[in-house]
N, C-alpha and C. Protein backbone atom coordinates (compact mmCIF):
# COMPACT_ATOMS: atom_id res chain seq x y z
N MET A 1 0.84 -1.18 0.00
CA MET A 1 0.00 0.00 0.00
C MET A 1 0.88 1.24 0.00
N ARG A 2 0.50 2.17 -0.79
CA ARG A 2 1.27 3.40 -0.97
C ARG A 2 1.04 4.35 0.20
N SER A 3 2.13 4.95 0.66
CA SER A 3 2.07 5.90 1.74
C SER A 3 1.42 7.18 1.26
N LYS A 4 0.70 7.84 2.16
CA LYS A 4 0.04 9.09 1.79
C LYS A 4 0.95 10.28 1.98
N SER A 5 2.18 10.03 2.45
CA SER A 5 3.11 11.14 2.60
C SER A 5 3.53 11.64 1.21
N ARG A 6 4.06 12.82 1.21
CA ARG A 6 4.48 13.43 -0.06
C ARG A 6 5.55 12.58 -0.73
N PRO A 7 5.41 12.28 -2.02
CA PRO A 7 6.42 11.47 -2.72
C PRO A 7 7.75 12.22 -2.81
N ARG A 8 8.83 11.46 -2.75
CA ARG A 8 10.16 12.06 -2.88
C ARG A 8 10.37 12.54 -4.31
N ASP A 9 11.05 13.64 -4.43
CA ASP A 9 11.40 14.17 -5.74
C ASP A 9 12.79 13.62 -6.08
N ILE A 10 12.82 12.57 -6.89
CA ILE A 10 14.09 11.90 -7.20
C ILE A 10 15.10 12.85 -7.83
N GLN A 11 14.61 13.88 -8.50
CA GLN A 11 15.53 14.82 -9.14
C GLN A 11 16.21 15.75 -8.14
N ARG A 12 15.91 15.60 -6.87
CA ARG A 12 16.58 16.36 -5.82
C ARG A 12 17.44 15.45 -4.94
N GLU A 13 17.49 14.19 -5.27
CA GLU A 13 18.30 13.24 -4.51
C GLU A 13 19.77 13.39 -4.88
N LEU A 14 20.64 13.22 -3.91
CA LEU A 14 22.08 13.41 -4.11
C LEU A 14 22.62 12.57 -5.26
N GLY A 15 22.34 11.29 -5.26
CA GLY A 15 22.87 10.41 -6.31
C GLY A 15 22.45 10.86 -7.70
N PHE A 16 21.20 11.25 -7.83
CA PHE A 16 20.70 11.73 -9.12
C PHE A 16 21.44 12.99 -9.55
N LEU A 17 21.58 13.94 -8.62
CA LEU A 17 22.23 15.21 -8.94
C LEU A 17 23.71 15.01 -9.28
N VAL A 18 24.40 14.18 -8.52
CA VAL A 18 25.81 13.92 -8.79
C VAL A 18 25.96 13.26 -10.16
N GLY A 19 25.11 12.28 -10.45
CA GLY A 19 25.16 11.61 -11.74
C GLY A 19 24.88 12.56 -12.89
N ARG A 20 23.91 13.42 -12.71
CA ARG A 20 23.56 14.39 -13.75
C ARG A 20 24.70 15.38 -13.97
N LEU A 21 25.31 15.83 -12.87
CA LEU A 21 26.44 16.76 -12.97
C LEU A 21 27.62 16.08 -13.66
N ALA A 22 27.93 14.86 -13.28
CA ALA A 22 29.04 14.13 -13.89
C ALA A 22 28.81 13.97 -15.39
N SER A 23 27.59 13.65 -15.76
CA SER A 23 27.26 13.49 -17.18
C SER A 23 27.43 14.80 -17.94
N ALA A 24 26.96 15.89 -17.36
CA ALA A 24 27.09 17.20 -18.01
C ALA A 24 28.55 17.60 -18.13
N MET A 25 29.33 17.33 -17.08
CA MET A 25 30.75 17.70 -17.12
C MET A 25 31.49 16.87 -18.17
N ARG A 26 31.16 15.58 -18.28
CA ARG A 26 31.79 14.73 -19.31
C ARG A 26 31.41 15.22 -20.71
N THR A 27 30.15 15.59 -20.89
CA THR A 27 29.71 16.09 -22.20
C THR A 27 30.45 17.38 -22.55
N GLY A 28 30.52 18.30 -21.60
CA GLY A 28 31.25 19.55 -21.83
C GLY A 28 32.71 19.30 -22.12
N LEU A 29 33.32 18.40 -21.36
CA LEU A 29 34.73 18.09 -21.58
C LEU A 29 34.93 17.45 -22.95
N GLY A 30 34.02 16.59 -23.34
CA GLY A 30 34.10 15.98 -24.67
C GLY A 30 34.11 17.03 -25.77
N ARG A 31 33.30 18.06 -25.60
CA ARG A 31 33.26 19.16 -26.58
C ARG A 31 34.57 19.94 -26.58
N GLU A 32 35.12 20.17 -25.39
CA GLU A 32 36.39 20.91 -25.29
C GLU A 32 37.54 20.15 -25.92
N LEU A 33 37.53 18.83 -25.76
CA LEU A 33 38.65 18.01 -26.23
C LEU A 33 38.49 17.54 -27.68
N ALA A 34 37.30 17.64 -28.23
CA ALA A 34 37.04 17.15 -29.59
C ALA A 34 38.01 17.69 -30.64
N PRO A 35 38.37 18.98 -30.62
CA PRO A 35 39.31 19.47 -31.63
C PRO A 35 40.68 18.77 -31.59
N PHE A 36 40.99 18.13 -30.46
CA PHE A 36 42.27 17.43 -30.31
C PHE A 36 42.15 15.94 -30.60
N ASN A 37 40.93 15.50 -30.95
CA ASN A 37 40.65 14.08 -31.18
C ASN A 37 41.00 13.22 -29.97
N VAL A 38 40.67 13.73 -28.79
CA VAL A 38 40.92 13.04 -27.54
C VAL A 38 39.60 13.01 -26.76
N THR A 39 39.27 11.86 -26.18
CA THR A 39 38.07 11.73 -25.37
C THR A 39 38.39 12.04 -23.91
N ALA A 40 37.36 12.20 -23.10
CA ALA A 40 37.55 12.44 -21.67
C ALA A 40 38.31 11.27 -21.03
N ALA A 41 37.98 10.05 -21.40
CA ALA A 41 38.69 8.88 -20.85
C ALA A 41 40.16 8.89 -21.26
N GLN A 42 40.42 9.25 -22.51
CA GLN A 42 41.81 9.32 -22.97
C GLN A 42 42.56 10.42 -22.25
N TRP A 43 41.90 11.54 -22.01
CA TRP A 43 42.51 12.62 -21.25
C TRP A 43 42.93 12.12 -19.87
N ALA A 44 42.05 11.40 -19.19
CA ALA A 44 42.36 10.89 -17.85
C ALA A 44 43.60 10.00 -17.88
N ILE A 45 43.72 9.18 -18.90
CA ILE A 45 44.88 8.30 -19.05
C ILE A 45 46.14 9.12 -19.30
N LEU A 46 46.06 10.05 -20.24
CA LEU A 46 47.22 10.90 -20.54
C LEU A 46 47.67 11.67 -19.31
N GLU A 47 46.72 12.23 -18.59
CA GLU A 47 47.04 13.02 -17.40
C GLU A 47 47.69 12.15 -16.33
N ALA A 48 47.16 10.96 -16.11
CA ALA A 48 47.73 10.05 -15.10
C ALA A 48 49.17 9.68 -15.46
N CYS A 49 49.42 9.44 -16.73
CA CYS A 49 50.79 9.13 -17.17
C CYS A 49 51.69 10.36 -17.05
N TYR A 50 51.18 11.50 -17.45
CA TYR A 50 51.95 12.75 -17.41
C TYR A 50 52.36 13.11 -15.99
N GLN A 51 51.43 12.93 -15.05
CA GLN A 51 51.68 13.28 -13.65
C GLN A 51 52.47 12.20 -12.91
N GLY A 52 52.71 11.07 -13.58
CA GLY A 52 53.45 9.99 -12.93
C GLY A 52 52.61 9.19 -11.96
N GLU A 53 51.29 9.30 -12.05
CA GLU A 53 50.39 8.56 -11.16
C GLU A 53 50.23 7.11 -11.59
N ALA A 54 50.49 6.83 -12.86
CA ALA A 54 50.30 5.48 -13.38
C ALA A 54 51.16 5.29 -14.62
N ASP A 55 51.68 4.07 -14.78
CA ASP A 55 52.47 3.79 -15.98
C ASP A 55 52.25 2.36 -16.49
N THR A 56 51.22 1.70 -15.98
CA THR A 56 50.83 0.38 -16.48
C THR A 56 49.31 0.35 -16.56
N LEU A 57 48.76 -0.64 -17.25
CA LEU A 57 47.31 -0.77 -17.30
C LEU A 57 46.74 -0.99 -15.90
N THR A 58 47.43 -1.79 -15.10
CA THR A 58 46.95 -2.06 -13.74
C THR A 58 46.93 -0.79 -12.90
N SER A 59 47.99 -0.01 -12.95
CA SER A 59 48.02 1.22 -12.16
C SER A 59 47.01 2.24 -12.69
N LEU A 60 46.79 2.26 -14.00
CA LEU A 60 45.76 3.15 -14.55
C LEU A 60 44.38 2.78 -14.02
N SER A 61 44.11 1.48 -13.90
CA SER A 61 42.79 1.05 -13.43
C SER A 61 42.52 1.48 -11.99
N ARG A 62 43.56 1.82 -11.26
CA ARG A 62 43.39 2.30 -9.88
C ARG A 62 43.08 3.80 -9.83
N VAL A 63 43.48 4.54 -10.86
CA VAL A 63 43.31 6.00 -10.79
C VAL A 63 42.34 6.56 -11.82
N VAL A 64 42.04 5.82 -12.87
CA VAL A 64 41.12 6.29 -13.90
C VAL A 64 39.77 5.60 -13.69
N PRO A 65 38.71 6.37 -13.51
CA PRO A 65 37.42 5.77 -13.15
C PRO A 65 36.64 5.14 -14.31
N ILE A 66 37.31 4.24 -15.04
CA ILE A 66 36.63 3.43 -16.05
C ILE A 66 37.13 2.00 -15.91
N ASP A 67 36.38 1.05 -16.45
CA ASP A 67 36.76 -0.34 -16.29
C ASP A 67 38.04 -0.66 -17.06
N SER A 68 38.74 -1.70 -16.62
CA SER A 68 40.06 -2.01 -17.18
C SER A 68 40.00 -2.37 -18.66
N ALA A 69 38.93 -3.00 -19.12
CA ALA A 69 38.82 -3.31 -20.55
C ALA A 69 38.75 -2.02 -21.38
N SER A 70 38.01 -1.04 -20.87
CA SER A 70 37.93 0.25 -21.57
C SER A 70 39.27 0.96 -21.55
N ILE A 71 39.98 0.87 -20.43
CA ILE A 71 41.30 1.50 -20.34
C ILE A 71 42.21 0.90 -21.41
N SER A 72 42.19 -0.40 -21.54
CA SER A 72 43.04 -1.07 -22.53
C SER A 72 42.71 -0.60 -23.94
N ARG A 73 41.43 -0.52 -24.26
CA ARG A 73 41.02 -0.05 -25.60
C ARG A 73 41.45 1.40 -25.83
N GLN A 74 41.28 2.24 -24.80
CA GLN A 74 41.67 3.64 -24.93
C GLN A 74 43.18 3.78 -25.10
N VAL A 75 43.95 2.98 -24.37
CA VAL A 75 45.41 3.00 -24.54
C VAL A 75 45.77 2.57 -25.96
N ASP A 76 45.11 1.55 -26.48
CA ASP A 76 45.36 1.13 -27.87
C ASP A 76 45.17 2.30 -28.82
N ARG A 77 44.11 3.06 -28.62
CA ARG A 77 43.83 4.22 -29.48
C ARG A 77 44.90 5.30 -29.32
N LEU A 78 45.34 5.52 -28.08
CA LEU A 78 46.38 6.51 -27.84
C LEU A 78 47.71 6.08 -28.46
N VAL A 79 47.99 4.79 -28.46
CA VAL A 79 49.20 4.28 -29.11
C VAL A 79 49.09 4.53 -30.62
N ARG A 80 47.94 4.19 -31.21
CA ARG A 80 47.76 4.42 -32.66
C ARG A 80 47.86 5.90 -33.01
N ALA A 81 47.44 6.76 -32.09
CA ALA A 81 47.50 8.21 -32.33
C ALA A 81 48.90 8.77 -32.12
N GLY A 82 49.82 7.94 -31.65
CA GLY A 82 51.19 8.39 -31.44
C GLY A 82 51.40 9.20 -30.18
N LEU A 83 50.50 9.07 -29.20
CA LEU A 83 50.60 9.83 -27.97
C LEU A 83 51.19 9.02 -26.82
N VAL A 84 51.09 7.71 -26.92
CA VAL A 84 51.58 6.80 -25.89
C VAL A 84 52.32 5.66 -26.58
N ARG A 85 53.33 5.14 -25.92
CA ARG A 85 53.97 3.93 -26.42
C ARG A 85 54.10 2.93 -25.29
N ARG A 86 54.15 1.68 -25.67
CA ARG A 86 54.33 0.60 -24.70
C ARG A 86 55.79 0.18 -24.72
N ARG A 87 56.31 -0.13 -23.53
CA ARG A 87 57.69 -0.62 -23.45
C ARG A 87 57.75 -1.70 -22.38
N ARG A 88 58.27 -2.85 -22.76
CA ARG A 88 58.40 -3.95 -21.82
C ARG A 88 59.42 -3.57 -20.75
N SER A 89 59.10 -3.85 -19.49
CA SER A 89 59.98 -3.54 -18.38
C SER A 89 61.27 -4.36 -18.48
N LYS A 90 62.38 -3.72 -18.19
CA LYS A 90 63.66 -4.43 -18.19
C LYS A 90 63.80 -5.29 -16.94
N ARG A 91 63.17 -4.88 -15.84
CA ARG A 91 63.25 -5.64 -14.59
C ARG A 91 62.31 -6.84 -14.58
N ASP A 92 61.13 -6.69 -15.17
CA ASP A 92 60.14 -7.77 -15.18
C ASP A 92 59.53 -7.83 -16.57
N ARG A 93 59.94 -8.78 -17.36
CA ARG A 93 59.53 -8.89 -18.77
C ARG A 93 58.01 -9.06 -18.92
N ARG A 94 57.33 -9.46 -17.87
CA ARG A 94 55.87 -9.61 -17.95
C ARG A 94 55.16 -8.27 -17.89
N LEU A 95 55.84 -7.27 -17.39
CA LEU A 95 55.26 -5.95 -17.17
C LEU A 95 55.49 -5.05 -18.38
N VAL A 96 54.42 -4.38 -18.80
CA VAL A 96 54.50 -3.43 -19.92
C VAL A 96 54.23 -2.03 -19.38
N ASN A 97 55.21 -1.16 -19.54
CA ASN A 97 55.07 0.23 -19.10
C ASN A 97 54.48 1.08 -20.22
N LEU A 98 53.73 2.07 -19.83
CA LEU A 98 53.15 3.04 -20.76
C LEU A 98 53.90 4.34 -20.59
N ILE A 99 54.35 4.89 -21.71
CA ILE A 99 55.16 6.10 -21.69
C ILE A 99 54.57 7.07 -22.70
N LEU A 100 54.42 8.33 -22.27
CA LEU A 100 53.97 9.34 -23.22
C LEU A 100 55.08 9.60 -24.24
N THR A 101 54.69 9.76 -25.47
CA THR A 101 55.63 10.16 -26.51
C THR A 101 55.88 11.65 -26.38
N ASP A 102 56.79 12.16 -27.17
CA ASP A 102 57.02 13.62 -27.17
C ASP A 102 55.73 14.35 -27.52
N ALA A 103 54.99 13.81 -28.49
CA ALA A 103 53.72 14.43 -28.88
C ALA A 103 52.73 14.41 -27.72
N GLY A 104 52.69 13.31 -27.00
CA GLY A 104 51.81 13.21 -25.84
C GLY A 104 52.19 14.20 -24.75
N ASN A 105 53.48 14.32 -24.49
CA ASN A 105 53.95 15.28 -23.48
C ASN A 105 53.65 16.72 -23.88
N ARG A 106 53.71 17.03 -25.16
CA ARG A 106 53.39 18.38 -25.62
C ARG A 106 51.88 18.65 -25.55
N LEU A 107 51.09 17.60 -25.78
CA LEU A 107 49.64 17.77 -25.86
C LEU A 107 49.00 17.96 -24.48
N VAL A 108 49.49 17.29 -23.46
CA VAL A 108 48.82 17.32 -22.16
C VAL A 108 48.64 18.75 -21.63
N PRO A 109 49.64 19.63 -21.66
CA PRO A 109 49.39 21.00 -21.17
C PRO A 109 48.29 21.73 -21.95
N GLU A 110 48.20 21.49 -23.25
CA GLU A 110 47.12 22.10 -24.04
C GLU A 110 45.77 21.56 -23.59
N LEU A 111 45.71 20.26 -23.37
CA LEU A 111 44.46 19.65 -22.93
C LEU A 111 44.09 20.14 -21.53
N THR A 112 45.09 20.34 -20.69
CA THR A 112 44.85 20.83 -19.34
C THR A 112 44.12 22.17 -19.38
N GLU A 113 44.51 23.03 -20.30
CA GLU A 113 43.83 24.32 -20.46
C GLU A 113 42.36 24.12 -20.80
N ARG A 114 42.06 23.15 -21.65
CA ARG A 114 40.68 22.88 -22.05
C ARG A 114 39.88 22.29 -20.89
N VAL A 115 40.53 21.43 -20.11
CA VAL A 115 39.88 20.84 -18.93
C VAL A 115 39.55 21.95 -17.93
N GLN A 116 40.51 22.84 -17.71
CA GLN A 116 40.28 23.95 -16.78
C GLN A 116 39.17 24.88 -17.28
N ALA A 117 39.12 25.10 -18.58
CA ALA A 117 38.05 25.93 -19.16
C ALA A 117 36.69 25.27 -18.94
N ASN A 118 36.64 23.95 -19.12
CA ASN A 118 35.38 23.24 -18.88
C ASN A 118 34.98 23.35 -17.41
N ASN A 119 35.93 23.12 -16.51
CA ASN A 119 35.63 23.21 -15.08
C ASN A 119 35.13 24.61 -14.71
N ALA A 120 35.76 25.63 -15.30
CA ALA A 120 35.39 27.02 -15.00
C ALA A 120 33.92 27.28 -15.35
N LYS A 121 33.43 26.68 -16.41
CA LYS A 121 32.03 26.87 -16.79
C LYS A 121 31.10 26.37 -15.69
N PHE A 122 31.48 25.26 -15.07
CA PHE A 122 30.63 24.67 -14.04
C PHE A 122 30.79 25.35 -12.68
N LEU A 123 31.87 26.08 -12.50
CA LEU A 123 32.13 26.76 -11.23
C LEU A 123 31.79 28.24 -11.29
N ALA A 124 31.29 28.70 -12.42
CA ALA A 124 30.97 30.12 -12.59
C ALA A 124 29.98 30.56 -11.51
N GLY A 125 30.29 31.68 -10.87
CA GLY A 125 29.39 32.25 -9.88
C GLY A 125 29.49 31.59 -8.50
N ILE A 126 30.39 30.67 -8.34
CA ILE A 126 30.57 30.00 -7.04
C ILE A 126 31.86 30.52 -6.43
N ALA A 127 31.75 31.10 -5.26
CA ALA A 127 32.91 31.70 -4.58
C ALA A 127 33.97 30.64 -4.29
N GLU A 128 35.22 31.09 -4.21
CA GLU A 128 36.35 30.17 -3.97
C GLU A 128 36.15 29.35 -2.70
N HIS A 129 35.71 29.99 -1.62
CA HIS A 129 35.53 29.23 -0.38
C HIS A 129 34.42 28.18 -0.52
N GLU A 130 33.40 28.48 -1.33
CA GLU A 130 32.35 27.48 -1.59
C GLU A 130 32.90 26.33 -2.43
N GLN A 131 33.74 26.65 -3.41
CA GLN A 131 34.36 25.60 -4.22
C GLN A 131 35.20 24.68 -3.35
N GLN A 132 35.98 25.26 -2.45
CA GLN A 132 36.83 24.46 -1.57
C GLN A 132 35.98 23.58 -0.64
N ALA A 133 34.86 24.13 -0.16
CA ALA A 133 33.97 23.34 0.70
C ALA A 133 33.38 22.15 -0.06
N VAL A 134 32.98 22.38 -1.30
CA VAL A 134 32.45 21.29 -2.12
C VAL A 134 33.53 20.22 -2.35
N LEU A 135 34.74 20.65 -2.66
CA LEU A 135 35.84 19.70 -2.88
C LEU A 135 36.13 18.87 -1.63
N ARG A 136 36.13 19.52 -0.46
CA ARG A 136 36.37 18.79 0.79
C ARG A 136 35.26 17.77 1.03
N THR A 137 34.03 18.18 0.80
CA THR A 137 32.89 17.29 1.00
C THR A 137 32.94 16.12 0.04
N LEU A 138 33.21 16.39 -1.22
CA LEU A 138 33.31 15.31 -2.20
C LEU A 138 34.43 14.34 -1.85
N GLN A 139 35.57 14.86 -1.39
CA GLN A 139 36.67 13.98 -1.03
C GLN A 139 36.29 13.09 0.15
N ARG A 140 35.58 13.63 1.13
CA ARG A 140 35.12 12.80 2.26
C ARG A 140 34.15 11.75 1.77
N MET A 141 33.27 12.13 0.85
CA MET A 141 32.31 11.15 0.31
C MET A 141 33.04 10.05 -0.45
N LEU A 142 34.07 10.42 -1.22
CA LEU A 142 34.85 9.41 -1.94
C LEU A 142 35.60 8.51 -0.97
N ASP A 143 36.11 9.06 0.10
CA ASP A 143 36.76 8.24 1.13
C ASP A 143 35.76 7.26 1.72
N ASN A 144 34.54 7.73 2.01
CA ASN A 144 33.49 6.85 2.52
C ASN A 144 33.14 5.77 1.50
N ALA A 145 33.09 6.16 0.23
CA ALA A 145 32.77 5.19 -0.82
C ALA A 145 33.84 4.11 -0.90
N ASN A 146 35.08 4.52 -0.73
CA ASN A 146 36.18 3.57 -0.78
C ASN A 146 35.99 2.49 0.29
N VAL A 147 35.58 2.90 1.47
CA VAL A 147 35.35 1.95 2.56
C VAL A 147 34.06 1.15 2.32
N ALA A 148 32.99 1.86 1.98
CA ALA A 148 31.68 1.21 1.84
C ALA A 148 31.60 0.27 0.66
N VAL A 149 32.18 0.66 -0.45
CA VAL A 149 32.04 -0.11 -1.68
C VAL A 149 33.20 -1.07 -1.90
N TYR A 150 34.39 -0.60 -1.58
CA TYR A 150 35.58 -1.38 -1.91
C TYR A 150 36.28 -1.94 -0.68
N ASP A 151 35.66 -1.78 0.50
CA ASP A 151 36.26 -2.27 1.75
C ASP A 151 37.68 -1.74 1.95
N GLY A 152 37.90 -0.50 1.55
CA GLY A 152 39.20 0.11 1.76
C GLY A 152 40.24 -0.24 0.73
N ASP A 153 39.93 -1.11 -0.25
CA ASP A 153 40.90 -1.45 -1.30
C ASP A 153 41.10 -0.25 -2.21
N SER A 154 42.33 0.09 -2.44
CA SER A 154 42.61 1.15 -3.43
C SER A 154 44.00 1.08 -3.92
């Protein structure tokens, strides 16, 4: 039997709003990066390699929020585009390192400008202290998600 209380407005629920915002930000970023023939997922891979956060498919899967099969396909595309190369590790022949090419290293700063421009559109009219508060809150939520969803694995 249906409750007579006021129905919840799903479009005001946190999960819905976060999902909608993430989708809008990905769409905007896709538009910003399109002239460079780079997708948002490819940008995340390039940035992780550029910053030294990841240099293998396994390490990328820990920092890039897409599934490992998609990461592998995106890396294949980046290799074909001449932005990334694979190199077998000298210490462990089973391990394949991912290295940005000169073209990849030159491209990342340009892409960073486009990413920042996209972010600025979404932060327009929001004071710096409010932006910092949102970032702190989101980081705490992600920390909670890590424990709740992944049992602390990261």
